[in-house]
Amino acid sequence: MSEMTSAQRVMAVLRRRQGDRIPHFEWIIDRRVREEIVGRPCSMEEFTVRMGLDAVLTAPDFASSPAGPGRTRSEWGVVYEKTAEEVAVAVSGPIATLDDLRAYRPPDPHAAGRWASLERLVQRYKGKLAVGVHLNDVFSIPRNLMGYENWLMALAAEPELVRGLVDLSVDVNLAMIGEAARRGADFVFTGDDYASTEAPLMSPATFRQLLLPGLRRIVQGAHDAGLPIIKHTDGNIRPLLDMIVDTGIDCLDPIDPVAGLDIGEMKRLYGHRIALKGNVNCAATLTFAAPAEVVRETRDVIRKAGEGGGLIVSSSNSIHSAVKGGNYLAMWNAIRMFGRYPLRMDGWDDAGAREAF
């Protein structure tokens, strides 16, 4: 097969087709890992281009203002605290009651400048790299608006409030999906996590009743706008899996090995319906193991789920600050070495692992 562009390669996977090779990109690569590899401070966009990753990612441009030492307040009225990682943590929100919700007005999806970052990336990379937009579906925005503990308690005791928050999140994100599609995005990624390592954060019955209808609306809205959708949720999502897949998502990320999810089993059970993204262990292997072990795990992911296409190899969540730069490079090299079609299944021994780095 002739060489594809990165955009063609990613879009082939999202249609469950086999391209020239398995693509790779990450939602987050921590600034310290980028700097370790490049040798100086380096933006995520520059790193993506320098490393030949297959997708460039962005999000709507929301303003923020200072809210105390190490804290900012977003346009959503949520206060965030900076952490050692790339992503800040929500520490308080503006909604506690139904009356709060009725009085609340979310940011305008159509506001001037909201899509400046996406427009710039489309202008620079459309047709070369796949351009993805990080949005939300039914969990993260309500969680941030209420606070984590209050949101979990509301899921158990306040269904009317939950439905109202879910509807708000879905309505805003459907409008943003439409804006992203009109501006040339190639796909949508929703990053709402539904589970811990042990189990979902709500019962399957609660998910089915209160959250699933909104997730269906998001997936249908993306498809109506002509965009495939990658659904991210790590943790043990087994009790929710069939419901999530039945919404029509195009790809599931990250097939969390720490939660006991095996990408080979996922390929057998769901590979005819969805593409898969993941699942090199970022909690252990990429953080603590030797490069040769990273290569072995990466090629095992390819061996288990790469045949026939429909696979994006990446970390099992993100390249966080504790990931070793050398281990990220070992994974990157292994994807390039073992991920070209037709896949070669012979010779994948420890010598091959050493050769990959």
Protein backbone atom coordinates (compact mmCIF):
# COMPACT_ATOMS: atom_id res chain seq x y z
CA MET A 1 0.00 0.00 0.00
CA SER A 2 1.24 3.50 -0.82
CA GLU A 3 2.10 5.88 2.02
CA MET A 4 -0.92 7.60 3.53
CA THR A 5 -1.04 11.00 5.10
CA SER A 6 -1.56 11.00 8.84
CA ALA A 7 -5.07 12.36 8.30
CA GLN A 8 -5.94 9.49 5.97
CA ARG A 9 -4.41 6.97 8.35
CA VAL A 10 -6.44 8.11 11.38
CA MET A 11 -9.69 8.40 9.46
CA ALA A 12 -9.22 4.90 8.04
CA VAL A 13 -8.93 3.53 11.57
CA LEU A 14 -12.04 5.39 12.73
CA ARG A 15 -13.88 3.66 9.88
CA ARG A 16 -12.43 0.32 11.10
CA ARG A 17 -10.29 -0.03 7.99
CA GLN A 18 -6.67 -1.03 7.58
CA GLY A 19 -4.26 1.67 6.51
CA ASP A 20 -0.58 1.57 5.68
CA ARG A 21 0.44 1.47 9.33
CA ILE A 22 -1.00 1.82 12.83
CA PRO A 23 -1.33 5.49 13.83
CA HIS A 24 -0.28 7.02 17.13
CA PHE A 25 -1.18 10.15 19.05
CA GLU A 26 -1.85 11.10 22.67
CA TRP A 27 -4.39 13.42 24.27
CA ILE A 28 -1.81 14.71 26.72
CA ILE A 29 1.98 14.56 26.70
CA ASP A 30 3.22 16.34 29.80
CA ARG A 31 5.45 19.35 29.23
CA ARG A 32 8.28 17.76 31.24
CA VAL A 33 8.29 14.66 29.04
CA ARG A 34 8.23 16.83 25.92
CA GLU A 35 11.13 18.89 27.24
CA GLU A 36 13.12 15.78 28.18
CA ILE A 37 12.79 14.42 24.65
CA VAL A 38 13.26 17.66 22.70
CA GLY A 39 15.84 19.17 25.05
CA ARG A 40 13.99 22.44 25.64
CA PRO A 41 10.45 23.70 26.30
CA CYS A 42 8.21 22.59 23.48
CA SER A 43 4.50 23.13 22.83
CA MET A 44 2.24 20.16 22.18
CA GLU A 45 1.73 21.34 18.59
CA GLU A 46 5.47 21.56 17.93
CA PHE A 47 6.03 18.17 19.56
CA THR A 48 3.30 16.61 17.41
CA VAL A 49 4.94 17.88 14.23
CA ARG A 50 8.53 17.08 15.28
CA MET A 51 7.63 13.51 16.28
CA GLY A 52 5.40 12.80 13.30
CA LEU A 53 2.32 12.04 15.39
CA ASP A 54 -0.82 11.41 13.39
CA ALA A 55 -3.30 13.85 14.94
CA VAL A 56 -3.17 17.37 16.28
CA LEU A 57 -5.63 18.17 19.05
CA THR A 58 -7.33 21.27 20.35
CA ALA A 59 -10.36 22.44 22.33
CA PRO A 60 -12.67 25.45 22.39
CA ASP A 61 -11.02 28.63 23.65
CA PHE A 62 -12.52 29.50 27.04
CA ALA A 63 -11.29 32.50 29.01
CA SER A 64 -10.27 32.34 32.67
CA SER A 65 -9.49 34.84 35.40
CA PRO A 66 -7.43 34.67 38.61
CA ALA A 67 -9.24 33.21 41.63
CA GLY A 68 -6.53 33.16 44.28
CA PRO A 69 -3.03 31.67 44.54
CA GLY A 70 -2.64 28.89 42.00
CA ARG A 71 -6.32 29.08 41.06
CA THR A 72 -8.34 30.34 38.12
CA ARG A 73 -12.06 30.73 37.44
CA SER A 74 -13.27 29.56 34.04
CA GLU A 75 -16.07 31.00 31.91
CA TRP A 76 -18.18 28.18 33.30
CA GLY A 77 -17.82 29.63 36.81
CA VAL A 78 -15.71 26.66 37.91
CA VAL A 79 -12.62 27.29 40.04
CA TYR A 80 -9.59 25.22 39.05
CA GLU A 81 -6.38 24.60 40.97
CA LYS A 82 -3.10 24.07 39.19
CA THR A 83 -1.36 20.75 39.80
CA ALA A 84 1.95 19.21 38.88
CA GLU A 85 0.25 17.78 35.79
CA GLU A 86 -0.89 19.49 32.59
CA VAL A 87 -4.55 19.43 33.64
CA ALA A 88 -5.85 21.57 36.50
CA VAL A 89 -8.36 20.13 38.98
CA ALA A 90 -11.84 21.58 39.56
CA VAL A 91 -12.23 22.51 43.23
CA SER A 92 -15.56 24.33 43.31
CA GLY A 93 -18.50 25.06 41.05
CA PRO A 94 -21.52 27.37 40.89
CA ILE A 95 -24.35 24.83 41.10
CA ALA A 96 -25.67 23.09 44.22
CA THR A 97 -29.44 23.11 43.74
CA LEU A 98 -32.13 23.08 41.07
CA ASP A 99 -32.60 26.80 41.64
CA ASP A 100 -28.90 27.34 40.93
CA LEU A 101 -29.26 25.36 37.73
CA ARG A 102 -32.32 27.32 36.61
CA ALA A 103 -30.44 30.59 37.10
CA TYR A 104 -27.22 29.38 35.45
CA ARG A 105 -26.12 30.41 31.97
CA PRO A 106 -23.29 28.43 30.34
CA PRO A 107 -20.70 30.01 28.04
CA ASP A 108 -21.84 30.80 24.51
CA PRO A 109 -20.58 28.12 22.08
CA HIS A 110 -20.79 30.66 19.25
CA ALA A 111 -18.88 33.51 20.94
CA ALA A 112 -16.33 35.43 18.93
CA GLY A 113 -12.88 33.87 19.25
CA ARG A 114 -14.23 30.60 20.67
CA TRP A 115 -12.74 28.62 17.79
CA ALA A 116 -9.54 30.54 17.02
CA SER A 117 -7.27 27.62 17.98
CA LEU A 118 -9.19 25.15 15.83
CA GLU A 119 -9.26 27.53 12.87
CA ARG A 120 -5.49 27.98 13.08
CA LEU A 121 -4.81 24.24 13.21
CA VAL A 122 -7.19 23.52 10.33
CA GLN A 123 -5.48 26.17 8.24
CA ARG A 124 -2.04 24.70 8.97
CA TYR A 125 -2.65 20.95 8.98
CA LYS A 126 -5.96 20.02 7.32
CA GLY A 127 -5.38 17.01 5.08
CA LYS A 128 -1.95 16.38 6.57
CA LEU A 129 -2.73 15.60 10.21
CA ALA A 130 -6.11 14.54 11.57
CA VAL A 131 -7.51 17.51 13.50
CA GLY A 132 -9.38 16.48 16.65
CA VAL A 133 -11.45 18.56 19.08
CA HIS A 134 -11.72 17.68 22.77
CA LEU A 135 -15.28 18.17 23.99
CA ASN A 136 -17.46 16.53 26.67
CA ASP A 137 -20.58 14.43 26.92
CA VAL A 138 -22.59 13.73 30.10
CA PHE A 139 -20.30 13.51 33.13
CA SER A 140 -17.39 15.95 33.36
CA ILE A 141 -19.22 19.26 33.00
CA PRO A 142 -21.91 18.36 35.60
CA ARG A 143 -19.16 17.06 37.91
CA ASN A 144 -17.22 20.31 37.61
CA LEU A 145 -20.28 22.52 38.01
CA MET A 146 -21.32 20.73 41.22
CA GLY A 147 -18.07 19.39 42.62
CA TYR A 148 -17.20 15.71 42.50
CA GLU A 149 -18.75 14.54 45.77
CA ASN A 150 -21.94 16.54 45.31
CA TRP A 151 -22.34 15.22 41.78
CA LEU A 152 -21.94 11.60 42.86
CA MET A 153 -24.50 12.12 45.62
CA ALA A 154 -26.88 13.74 43.16
CA LEU A 155 -26.59 10.71 40.87
CA ALA A 156 -27.95 8.64 43.74
CA ALA A 157 -30.54 11.01 45.19
CA GLU A 158 -31.47 13.89 42.86
CA PRO A 159 -32.47 12.60 39.43
CA GLU A 160 -34.18 15.84 38.36
CA LEU A 161 -31.03 17.86 39.03
CA VAL A 162 -28.91 15.26 37.25
CA ARG A 163 -31.14 15.27 34.17
CA GLY A 164 -31.01 19.06 34.06
CA LEU A 165 -27.22 19.15 34.25
CA VAL A 166 -26.86 16.40 31.66
CA ASP A 167 -29.21 18.24 29.30
CA LEU A 168 -27.22 21.45 29.77
CA SER A 169 -23.94 19.65 29.01
CA VAL A 170 -25.38 17.86 25.98
CA ASP A 171 -27.01 20.98 24.52
CA VAL A 172 -23.82 23.05 24.80
CA ASN A 173 -21.65 20.28 23.39
CA LEU A 174 -23.99 19.61 20.47
CA ALA A 175 -23.71 23.28 19.55
CA MET A 176 -19.92 23.05 19.84
CA ILE A 177 -19.83 19.92 17.69
CA GLY A 178 -21.67 21.83 14.99
CA GLU A 179 -19.22 24.73 15.20
CA ALA A 180 -16.23 22.38 15.11
CA ALA A 181 -17.58 20.57 12.05
CA ARG A 182 -18.22 23.82 10.20
CA ARG A 183 -14.65 24.88 10.87
CA GLY A 184 -13.09 21.72 9.46
CA ALA A 185 -12.44 19.41 12.42
CA ASP A 186 -11.96 15.75 11.48
CA PHE A 187 -13.17 14.06 14.66
CA VAL A 188 -14.48 14.66 18.17
CA PHE A 189 -13.05 13.22 21.37
CA THR A 190 -15.12 13.26 24.55
CA GLY A 191 -13.08 12.76 27.68
CA ASP A 192 -15.63 12.05 30.41
CA ASP A 193 -14.52 9.21 32.70
CA TYR A 194 -17.26 6.96 34.09
CA ALA A 195 -15.28 4.55 36.27
CA SER A 196 -12.53 4.00 38.80
CA THR A 197 -10.07 1.15 38.49
CA GLU A 198 -12.45 -1.08 40.45
CA ALA A 199 -15.90 -0.27 39.07
CA PRO A 200 -18.14 2.35 37.44
CA LEU A 201 -18.87 5.46 39.52
CA MET A 202 -22.58 4.74 39.30
CA SER A 203 -24.74 1.63 38.98
CA PRO A 204 -25.52 0.34 35.48
CA ALA A 205 -29.18 1.15 36.16
CA THR A 206 -28.34 4.77 37.00
CA PHE A 207 -26.15 5.05 33.93
CA ARG A 208 -28.89 3.65 31.71
CA GLN A 209 -31.57 5.89 33.15
CA LEU A 210 -29.77 9.22 33.68
CA LEU A 211 -26.64 9.34 31.49
CA LEU A 212 -27.07 7.02 28.53
CA PRO A 213 -29.78 9.06 26.73
CA GLY A 214 -27.49 12.09 26.74
CA LEU A 215 -24.53 10.09 25.47
CA ARG A 216 -26.70 8.81 22.62
CA ARG A 217 -27.59 12.39 21.72
CA ILE A 218 -23.92 13.40 21.64
CA VAL A 219 -22.93 10.49 19.40
CA GLN A 220 -25.86 11.07 17.07
CA GLY A 221 -25.10 14.78 16.95
CA ALA A 222 -21.48 14.14 15.97
CA HIS A 223 -22.57 11.76 13.23
CA ASP A 224 -25.21 14.20 12.00
CA ALA A 225 -22.41 16.77 11.70
CA GLY A 226 -20.30 14.28 9.74
CA LEU A 227 -17.73 13.69 12.50
CA PRO A 228 -16.63 10.37 13.98
CA ILE A 229 -16.40 10.31 17.75
CA ILE A 230 -13.78 8.79 20.03
CA LYS A 231 -15.17 8.06 23.48
CA HIS A 232 -12.62 8.14 26.30
CA THR A 233 -13.29 6.55 29.63
CA ASP A 234 -10.67 4.65 31.58
CA GLY A 235 -11.25 2.41 34.57
CA ASN A 236 -13.32 -0.75 34.82
CA ILE A 237 -16.21 0.02 32.47
CA ARG A 238 -17.20 -3.61 31.85
CA PRO A 239 -20.69 -3.23 33.40
CA LEU A 240 -21.34 -0.28 31.06
CA LEU A 241 -19.54 -1.48 27.93
CA ASP A 242 -22.44 -2.80 25.90
CA MET A 243 -24.46 0.35 26.54
CA ILE A 244 -21.55 2.59 25.52
CA VAL A 245 -20.86 0.64 22.33
CA ASP A 246 -24.57 0.55 21.47
CA THR A 247 -24.62 4.36 21.27
CA GLY A 248 -22.68 4.07 18.01
CA ILE A 249 -19.33 5.48 19.10
CA ASP A 250 -16.64 5.05 16.48
CA CYS A 251 -13.69 4.36 18.79
CA LEU A 252 -13.17 3.53 22.46
CA ASP A 253 -10.14 4.78 24.42
CA PRO A 254 -8.03 3.71 26.35
CA ILE A 255 -8.88 0.03 27.18
CA ASP A 256 -7.41 0.36 30.67
CA PRO A 257 -5.13 -2.61 31.52
CA VAL A 258 -4.87 -1.58 35.19
CA ALA A 259 -8.65 -2.10 35.39
CA GLY A 260 -8.30 -5.58 33.87
CA LEU A 261 -9.38 -4.75 30.32
CA ASP A 262 -7.59 -6.83 27.69
CA ILE A 263 -7.35 -5.30 24.24
CA GLY A 264 -7.34 -8.72 22.56
CA GLU A 265 -10.64 -9.58 24.19
CA MET A 266 -12.03 -6.17 23.25
CA LYS A 267 -11.00 -6.72 19.65
CA ARG A 268 -12.78 -10.10 19.56
CA LEU A 269 -15.95 -8.82 21.20
CA TYR A 270 -16.28 -5.35 19.69
CA GLY A 271 -13.77 -4.98 16.85
CA HIS A 272 -16.46 -5.46 14.22
CA ARG A 273 -18.33 -2.46 15.62
CA ILE A 274 -15.77 0.04 16.93
CA ALA A 275 -12.13 0.98 16.58
CA LEU A 276 -9.88 0.76 19.64
CA LYS A 277 -7.28 3.14 21.06
CA GLY A 278 -4.71 2.38 23.77
CA ASN A 279 -3.50 0.49 25.79
CA VAL A 280 0.17 0.57 26.76
CA ASN A 281 0.21 0.80 30.54
CA CYS A 282 1.12 4.35 31.60
CA ALA A 283 0.63 3.66 35.31
CA ALA A 284 3.38 1.05 35.47
CA THR A 285 5.17 0.10 32.26
CA LEU A 286 5.76 3.56 30.77
CA THR A 287 6.60 4.94 34.21
CA PHE A 288 8.75 2.29 35.88
CA ALA A 289 9.78 -0.43 33.40
CA ALA A 290 12.87 -0.72 31.24
CA PRO A 291 12.54 0.27 27.56
CA ALA A 292 12.67 -3.37 26.44
CA GLU A 293 9.55 -4.11 28.49
CA VAL A 294 7.80 -1.12 26.93
CA VAL A 295 8.59 -2.51 23.49
CA ARG A 296 7.31 -5.97 24.46
CA GLU A 297 4.04 -4.54 25.77
CA THR A 298 3.58 -2.29 22.74
CA ARG A 299 4.08 -5.11 20.27
CA ASP A 300 1.69 -7.29 22.31
CA VAL A 301 -1.00 -4.63 21.89
CA ILE A 302 -0.34 -4.67 18.13
CA ARG A 303 -0.32 -8.47 18.01
CA LYS A 304 -3.60 -8.75 19.90
CA ALA A 305 -5.59 -6.02 18.15
CA GLY A 306 -3.78 -4.80 15.05
CA GLU A 307 -4.89 -7.26 12.38
CA GLY A 308 -7.38 -5.82 9.93
CA GLY A 309 -6.96 -2.25 11.13
CA GLY A 310 -9.19 -0.37 13.55
CA LEU A 311 -6.37 0.24 16.07
CA ILE A 312 -4.62 3.36 17.33
CA VAL A 313 -1.78 2.52 19.71
CA SER A 314 -1.20 4.95 22.57
CA SER A 315 -0.82 5.02 26.32
CA SER A 316 -3.55 3.67 28.59
CA ASN A 317 -4.51 7.22 29.55
CA SER A 318 -1.91 9.90 28.91
CA ILE A 319 1.80 10.60 28.94
CA HIS A 320 1.79 12.10 32.44
CA SER A 321 4.69 13.77 34.18
CA ALA A 322 6.14 10.57 35.69
CA VAL A 323 6.49 8.78 32.33
CA LYS A 324 10.14 8.37 31.34
CA GLY A 325 11.02 10.16 28.12
CA GLY A 326 13.04 7.12 27.01
CA ASN A 327 10.04 4.86 27.58
CA TYR A 328 7.79 7.08 25.50
CA LEU A 329 10.38 6.90 22.72
CA ALA A 330 10.54 3.11 23.09
CA MET A 331 6.78 2.90 22.55
CA TRP A 332 6.96 5.35 19.64
CA ASN A 333 9.73 3.32 17.99
CA ALA A 334 7.93 0.02 18.55
CA ILE A 335 4.76 1.33 16.90
CA ARG A 336 6.80 2.37 13.87
CA MET A 337 8.77 -0.90 13.79
CA PHE A 338 5.96 -3.41 14.33
CA GLY A 339 2.89 -1.48 13.22
CA ARG A 340 3.29 -1.42 9.44
CA TYR A 341 0.87 -3.48 7.36
CA PRO A 342 0.99 -6.29 6.57
CA LEU A 343 1.93 -7.02 10.17
CA ARG A 344 4.86 -9.37 10.65
CA MET A 345 4.13 -11.71 13.52
CA ASP A 346 7.37 -13.66 13.36
CA GLY A 347 10.59 -12.63 15.02
CA TRP A 348 8.96 -10.73 17.87
CA ASP A 349 11.45 -11.83 20.49
CA ASP A 350 13.66 -10.01 22.96
CA ALA A 351 16.18 -9.28 20.20
CA GLY A 352 13.45 -7.45 18.34
CA ALA A 353 12.61 -5.53 21.47
CA ARG A 354 16.20 -4.42 21.87
CA GLU A 355 16.36 -3.43 18.20
CA ALA A 356 13.35 -1.13 18.60
CA PHE A 357 15.33 1.28 20.72
